[in-house]
């Protein structure tokens, strides 16, 4: 995460602005001040010359790709916090799952601590999950695959305690609406966590009444979108590449099961 190295000494609030920047800035502020209090970073985050704000760095020298990656990171953990708190209580299962996500993303040290601070700041913040989703969508409009990735991960957090609360699913549905995801796209993710007999068809965005040719066409389209080579070539965050690879396997599995059922 090249962007993380730049914000340690800069300010993510200026880099991103809006609710995402506010949450990143709040988490970073606590991060800095706690380290100062403990003597961990010494004078590295001292007040700037213009207004006494720690770590002020105008502009910051961030590329557009770094802004998207930073937004993905902060928006994701902010929405994790909102989903975990949606039913009024953050359970140990939900907290443990967020920690597992952090481990899967290979975060350690400062990055790990920053992710947990974003999660904790966001869950009690005045911003809604949709506020974070709207800002992230403004940066990534048209890239539905990365939005599907986020919906998938939110369902994982919501189902961590063994059941998806109605308020949690309502929140995820609203986020999906912000991302302009259609019913079939949403159901293709939901079906993995809310079991029903049409699961494999929903993964492909089809129904049991779809023709064999419609199913083949849907399968080929999804395989092109989620093929690891296609995703890697777009320079998207590593976390999404992992999701896309998993999604690619699920699409293949669903197609194979439907072929067996239909003797295709």
Protein backbone atom coordinates (compact mmCIF):
# COMPACT_ATOMS: atom_id res chain seq x y z
CA UNK A 1 0.00 0.00 0.00
CA UNK A 2 2.17 2.84 -1.29
CA UNK A 3 -0.46 5.41 -0.27
CA UNK A 4 -0.13 4.42 3.38
CA UNK A 5 3.52 5.38 3.46
CA UNK A 6 2.60 8.81 2.12
CA UNK A 7 -0.10 9.54 4.72
CA UNK A 8 2.27 8.74 7.58
CA UNK A 9 3.60 12.26 7.63
CA UNK A 10 0.69 13.69 5.61
CA UNK A 11 -3.06 13.83 6.09
CA UNK A 12 -5.59 11.52 4.54
CA UNK A 13 -8.34 14.09 5.12
CA UNK A 14 -6.80 16.42 2.54
CA UNK A 15 -6.13 13.50 0.23
CA UNK A 16 -9.72 12.24 0.12
CA UNK A 17 -12.08 14.74 1.73
CA UNK A 18 -15.72 13.92 2.56
CA UNK A 19 -16.84 11.21 5.03
CA UNK A 20 -14.05 8.84 3.98
CA UNK A 21 -11.41 11.51 4.55
CA UNK A 22 -13.01 12.42 7.88
CA UNK A 23 -12.89 8.83 9.13
CA UNK A 24 -9.37 8.30 7.85
CA UNK A 25 -8.29 11.60 9.38
CA UNK A 26 -9.88 10.81 12.75
CA UNK A 27 -8.22 7.40 12.83
CA UNK A 28 -4.91 8.88 11.73
CA UNK A 29 -5.17 11.66 14.32
CA UNK A 30 -5.58 9.17 17.15
CA UNK A 31 -2.81 7.10 15.62
CA UNK A 32 -0.42 10.05 15.62
CA UNK A 33 -1.29 11.46 19.02
CA UNK A 34 -1.19 8.08 20.73
CA UNK A 35 2.25 7.48 19.27
CA UNK A 36 3.38 10.94 20.35
CA UNK A 37 2.11 10.35 23.89
CA UNK A 38 3.97 7.07 24.03
CA UNK A 39 7.08 8.54 22.43
CA UNK A 40 6.75 6.10 19.55
CA UNK A 41 7.27 8.55 16.68
CA UNK A 42 8.96 11.46 18.39
CA UNK A 43 8.71 14.66 16.37
CA UNK A 44 7.84 13.03 13.06
CA UNK A 45 4.25 14.29 13.29
CA UNK A 46 4.83 17.74 14.70
CA UNK A 47 2.63 20.78 14.04
CA UNK A 48 3.01 22.40 10.67
CA UNK A 49 3.83 26.02 10.00
CA UNK A 50 0.30 27.05 9.00
CA UNK A 51 -2.18 26.18 11.70
CA UNK A 52 -0.83 23.80 14.26
CA UNK A 53 -2.40 20.72 12.68
CA UNK A 54 -0.22 17.64 12.98
CA UNK A 55 1.10 16.14 9.81
CA UNK A 56 -0.19 18.75 7.36
CA UNK A 57 1.04 18.17 3.82
CA UNK A 58 -0.71 20.19 1.08
CA UNK A 59 -1.53 18.10 -1.98
CA UNK A 60 0.37 15.11 -0.71
CA UNK A 61 1.59 13.99 -4.15
CA UNK A 62 -0.95 11.17 -4.45
CA UNK A 63 -1.75 9.53 -7.77
CA UNK A 64 -5.35 8.84 -8.75
CA UNK A 65 -4.73 5.11 -8.29
CA UNK A 66 -3.46 5.74 -4.75
CA UNK A 67 -6.56 7.78 -3.96
CA UNK A 68 -8.79 4.95 -5.14
CA UNK A 69 -6.83 2.39 -3.14
CA UNK A 70 -6.88 4.54 -0.01
CA UNK A 71 -10.61 5.19 -0.45
CA UNK A 72 -11.25 1.47 -0.86
CA UNK A 73 -9.38 0.71 2.35
CA UNK A 74 -11.02 3.40 4.51
CA UNK A 75 -14.51 2.99 3.02
CA UNK A 76 -14.36 -0.79 3.48
CA UNK A 77 -13.41 -0.71 7.16
CA UNK A 78 -15.82 2.17 7.79
CA UNK A 79 -18.69 0.14 6.33
CA UNK A 80 -17.53 -2.89 8.30
CA UNK A 81 -18.04 -0.79 11.43
CA UNK A 82 -21.51 0.34 10.36
CA UNK A 83 -22.67 -3.18 9.44
CA UNK A 84 -21.31 -4.65 12.67
CA UNK A 85 -23.20 -2.02 14.67
CA UNK A 86 -26.40 -2.15 12.55
CA UNK A 87 -28.26 -4.43 14.97
CA UNK A 88 -27.10 -2.37 17.95
CA UNK A 89 -24.26 -4.59 19.11
CA UNK A 90 -20.83 -5.48 17.73
CA UNK A 91 -20.42 -9.17 18.54
CA UNK A 92 -17.14 -10.93 19.19
CA UNK A 93 -17.71 -13.01 16.03
CA UNK A 94 -17.97 -9.85 13.95
CA UNK A 95 -14.89 -8.32 15.54
CA UNK A 96 -12.94 -11.55 15.02
CA UNK A 97 -13.97 -11.66 11.36
CA UNK A 98 -12.71 -8.11 10.79
CA UNK A 99 -9.40 -9.15 12.34
CA UNK A 100 -9.31 -12.14 9.96
CA UNK A 101 -9.89 -9.80 7.02
CA UNK A 102 -6.95 -7.73 8.22
CA UNK A 103 -4.80 -10.86 8.41
CA UNK A 104 -5.92 -12.01 4.93
CA UNK A 105 -4.97 -8.61 3.53
CA UNK A 106 -1.47 -9.11 4.95
CA UNK A 107 -1.64 -6.01 7.15
CA UNK A 108 0.75 -5.68 10.05
CA UNK A 109 2.18 -3.04 12.33
CA UNK A 110 0.97 0.49 11.57
CA UNK A 111 -1.34 -0.64 8.75
CA UNK A 112 -3.08 -3.16 11.01
CA UNK A 113 -3.52 -0.60 13.78
CA UNK A 114 -4.85 1.99 11.34
CA UNK A 115 -7.46 -0.44 9.95
CA UNK A 116 -8.78 -1.21 13.43
CA UNK A 117 -8.93 2.48 14.30
CA UNK A 118 -10.97 3.22 11.17
CA UNK A 119 -13.38 0.40 12.10
CA UNK A 120 -13.80 1.70 15.66
CA UNK A 121 -14.10 5.36 14.66
CA UNK A 122 -16.69 4.66 11.97
CA UNK A 123 -19.08 2.42 13.90
CA UNK A 124 -20.03 5.27 16.26
CA UNK A 125 -19.61 8.14 13.80
CA UNK A 126 -22.48 10.41 12.64
CA UNK A 127 -21.93 9.27 9.05
CA UNK A 128 -24.07 6.51 7.57
CA UNK A 129 -22.85 3.51 5.62
CA UNK A 130 -24.46 5.08 2.54
CA UNK A 131 -22.37 8.24 3.04
CA UNK A 132 -19.18 6.20 2.68
CA UNK A 133 -20.65 4.23 -0.23
CA UNK A 134 -21.68 7.38 -2.13
CA UNK A 135 -18.24 8.93 -1.93
CA UNK A 136 -16.54 5.69 -2.93
CA UNK A 137 -18.95 5.29 -5.86
CA UNK A 138 -18.05 8.76 -7.11
CA UNK A 139 -14.45 7.58 -7.47
CA UNK A 140 -15.22 4.17 -8.97
CA UNK A 141 -18.47 4.58 -10.93
CA UNK A 142 -18.70 2.03 -13.71
CA UNK A 143 -16.55 -0.57 -11.96
CA UNK A 144 -19.32 -2.85 -10.69
CA UNK A 145 -16.89 -5.68 -9.94
CA UNK A 146 -15.20 -3.79 -7.12
CA UNK A 147 -18.63 -2.86 -5.75
CA UNK A 148 -19.69 -6.52 -5.79
CA UNK A 149 -16.51 -7.27 -3.87
CA UNK A 150 -17.53 -4.83 -1.13
CA UNK A 151 -21.08 -6.23 -0.93
CA UNK A 152 -19.65 -9.73 -0.60
CA UNK A 153 -17.37 -8.71 2.26
CA UNK A 154 -20.20 -6.87 4.04
CA UNK A 155 -22.35 -10.02 3.87
CA UNK A 156 -19.46 -11.95 5.40
CA UNK A 157 -19.34 -9.56 8.37
CA UNK A 158 -23.14 -9.56 8.73
CA UNK A 159 -23.28 -13.37 8.76
CA UNK A 160 -20.32 -13.80 11.13
CA UNK A 161 -22.54 -14.52 14.15
CA UNK A 162 -24.49 -17.20 12.30
CA UNK A 163 -27.44 -15.11 11.20
CA UNK A 164 -28.01 -11.99 9.14
CA UNK A 165 -30.14 -9.50 11.06
CA UNK A 166 -32.88 -7.77 9.10
CA UNK A 167 -31.31 -4.36 9.80
CA UNK A 168 -27.94 -5.58 8.53
CA UNK A 169 -29.43 -6.83 5.27
CA UNK A 170 -31.41 -3.61 4.82
CA UNK A 171 -28.19 -1.62 5.17
CA UNK A 172 -26.36 -3.81 2.66
CA UNK A 173 -29.28 -3.47 0.24
CA UNK A 174 -29.10 0.34 0.51
CA UNK A 175 -25.35 0.27 -0.14
CA UNK A 176 -25.95 -1.92 -3.20
CA UNK A 177 -28.49 0.64 -4.42
CA UNK A 178 -25.89 3.41 -4.01
CA UNK A 179 -23.52 1.29 -6.11
CA UNK A 180 -26.24 0.99 -8.81
CA UNK A 181 -26.14 -2.80 -8.61
CA UNK A 182 -29.11 -4.53 -10.20
CA UNK A 183 -31.25 -7.16 -8.46
CA UNK A 184 -29.51 -10.04 -10.23
CA UNK A 185 -26.05 -8.77 -9.28
CA UNK A 186 -27.13 -8.29 -5.67
CA UNK A 187 -28.83 -11.71 -5.49
CA UNK A 188 -25.75 -13.40 -6.95
CA UNK A 189 -23.84 -12.32 -3.81
CA UNK A 190 -26.71 -12.66 -1.32
CA UNK A 191 -27.37 -16.24 -2.39
CA UNK A 192 -23.99 -17.28 -0.97
CA UNK A 193 -25.05 -16.27 2.53
CA UNK A 194 -28.84 -16.63 2.45
CA UNK A 195 -29.35 -20.15 1.17
CA UNK A 196 -32.11 -21.06 -1.29
CA UNK A 197 -32.62 -23.62 -4.04
CA UNK A 198 -31.80 -21.20 -6.85
CA UNK A 199 -28.33 -20.33 -5.55
CA UNK A 200 -26.33 -21.50 -8.57
CA UNK A 201 -28.64 -19.76 -11.01
CA UNK A 202 -28.40 -16.51 -9.04
CA UNK A 203 -24.60 -16.64 -9.06
CA UNK A 204 -24.81 -16.56 -12.86
CA UNK A 205 -27.55 -13.92 -12.81
CA UNK A 206 -30.05 -16.37 -14.29
CA UNK A 207 -33.18 -18.25 -13.20
CA UNK A 208 -34.31 -21.89 -13.54
CA UNK A 209 -36.47 -20.76 -16.44
CA UNK A 210 -33.47 -19.42 -18.40
CA UNK A 211 -32.58 -21.33 -21.55
CA UNK A 212 -29.37 -23.31 -21.89
CA UNK A 213 -28.03 -20.71 -24.31
CA UNK A 214 -28.87 -17.84 -21.91
CA UNK A 215 -26.98 -19.66 -19.18
CA UNK A 216 -23.95 -20.22 -21.43
CA UNK A 217 -23.97 -16.55 -22.46
CA UNK A 218 -24.18 -15.35 -18.84
CA UNK A 219 -21.38 -17.73 -17.85
CA UNK A 220 -19.04 -16.54 -20.61
CA UNK A 221 -19.69 -12.89 -19.76
CA UNK A 222 -18.90 -13.40 -16.07
CA UNK A 223 -15.80 -15.47 -16.82
CA UNK A 224 -14.45 -12.61 -18.97
CA UNK A 225 -15.17 -10.05 -16.23
CA UNK A 226 -13.67 -12.00 -13.34
CA UNK A 227 -10.82 -13.84 -15.05
CA UNK A 228 -7.67 -13.23 -12.95
CA UNK A 229 -5.71 -11.99 -15.98
CA UNK A 230 -8.42 -9.43 -16.81
CA UNK A 231 -8.61 -8.15 -13.23
CA UNK A 232 -4.84 -7.97 -12.76
CA UNK A 233 -4.43 -5.96 -15.97
CA UNK A 234 -6.69 -3.19 -14.58
CA UNK A 235 -4.35 -2.39 -11.68
CA UNK A 236 -7.06 -2.77 -9.03
CA UNK A 237 -6.29 -3.23 -5.30
CA UNK A 238 -4.80 -6.59 -4.36
CA UNK A 239 -7.76 -7.27 -2.05
CA UNK A 240 -10.11 -7.11 -5.03
CA UNK A 241 -7.88 -9.42 -7.10
CA UNK A 242 -8.28 -12.03 -4.34
CA UNK A 243 -12.04 -11.54 -4.34
CA UNK A 244 -12.22 -11.81 -8.14
CA UNK A 245 -10.22 -15.04 -8.09
CA UNK A 246 -12.62 -16.50 -5.54
CA UNK A 247 -15.60 -15.24 -7.52
CA UNK A 248 -14.18 -16.82 -10.68
CA UNK A 249 -14.12 -20.22 -8.96
CA UNK A 250 -17.70 -19.76 -7.71
CA UNK A 251 -18.90 -18.93 -11.23
CA UNK A 252 -17.21 -22.04 -12.59
CA UNK A 253 -18.67 -24.18 -9.81
CA UNK A 254 -22.19 -22.82 -10.39
CA UNK A 255 -21.95 -23.47 -14.13
CA UNK A 256 -20.73 -27.01 -13.61
CA UNK A 257 -23.58 -27.77 -11.18
CA UNK A 258 -26.18 -26.37 -13.58
CA UNK A 259 -24.69 -28.37 -16.46
CA UNK A 260 -25.01 -31.55 -14.40
CA UNK A 261 -28.59 -30.74 -13.48
CA UNK A 262 -29.56 -30.04 -17.10
CA UNK A 263 -27.31 -32.60 -18.79
CA UNK A 264 -25.88 -29.77 -20.88
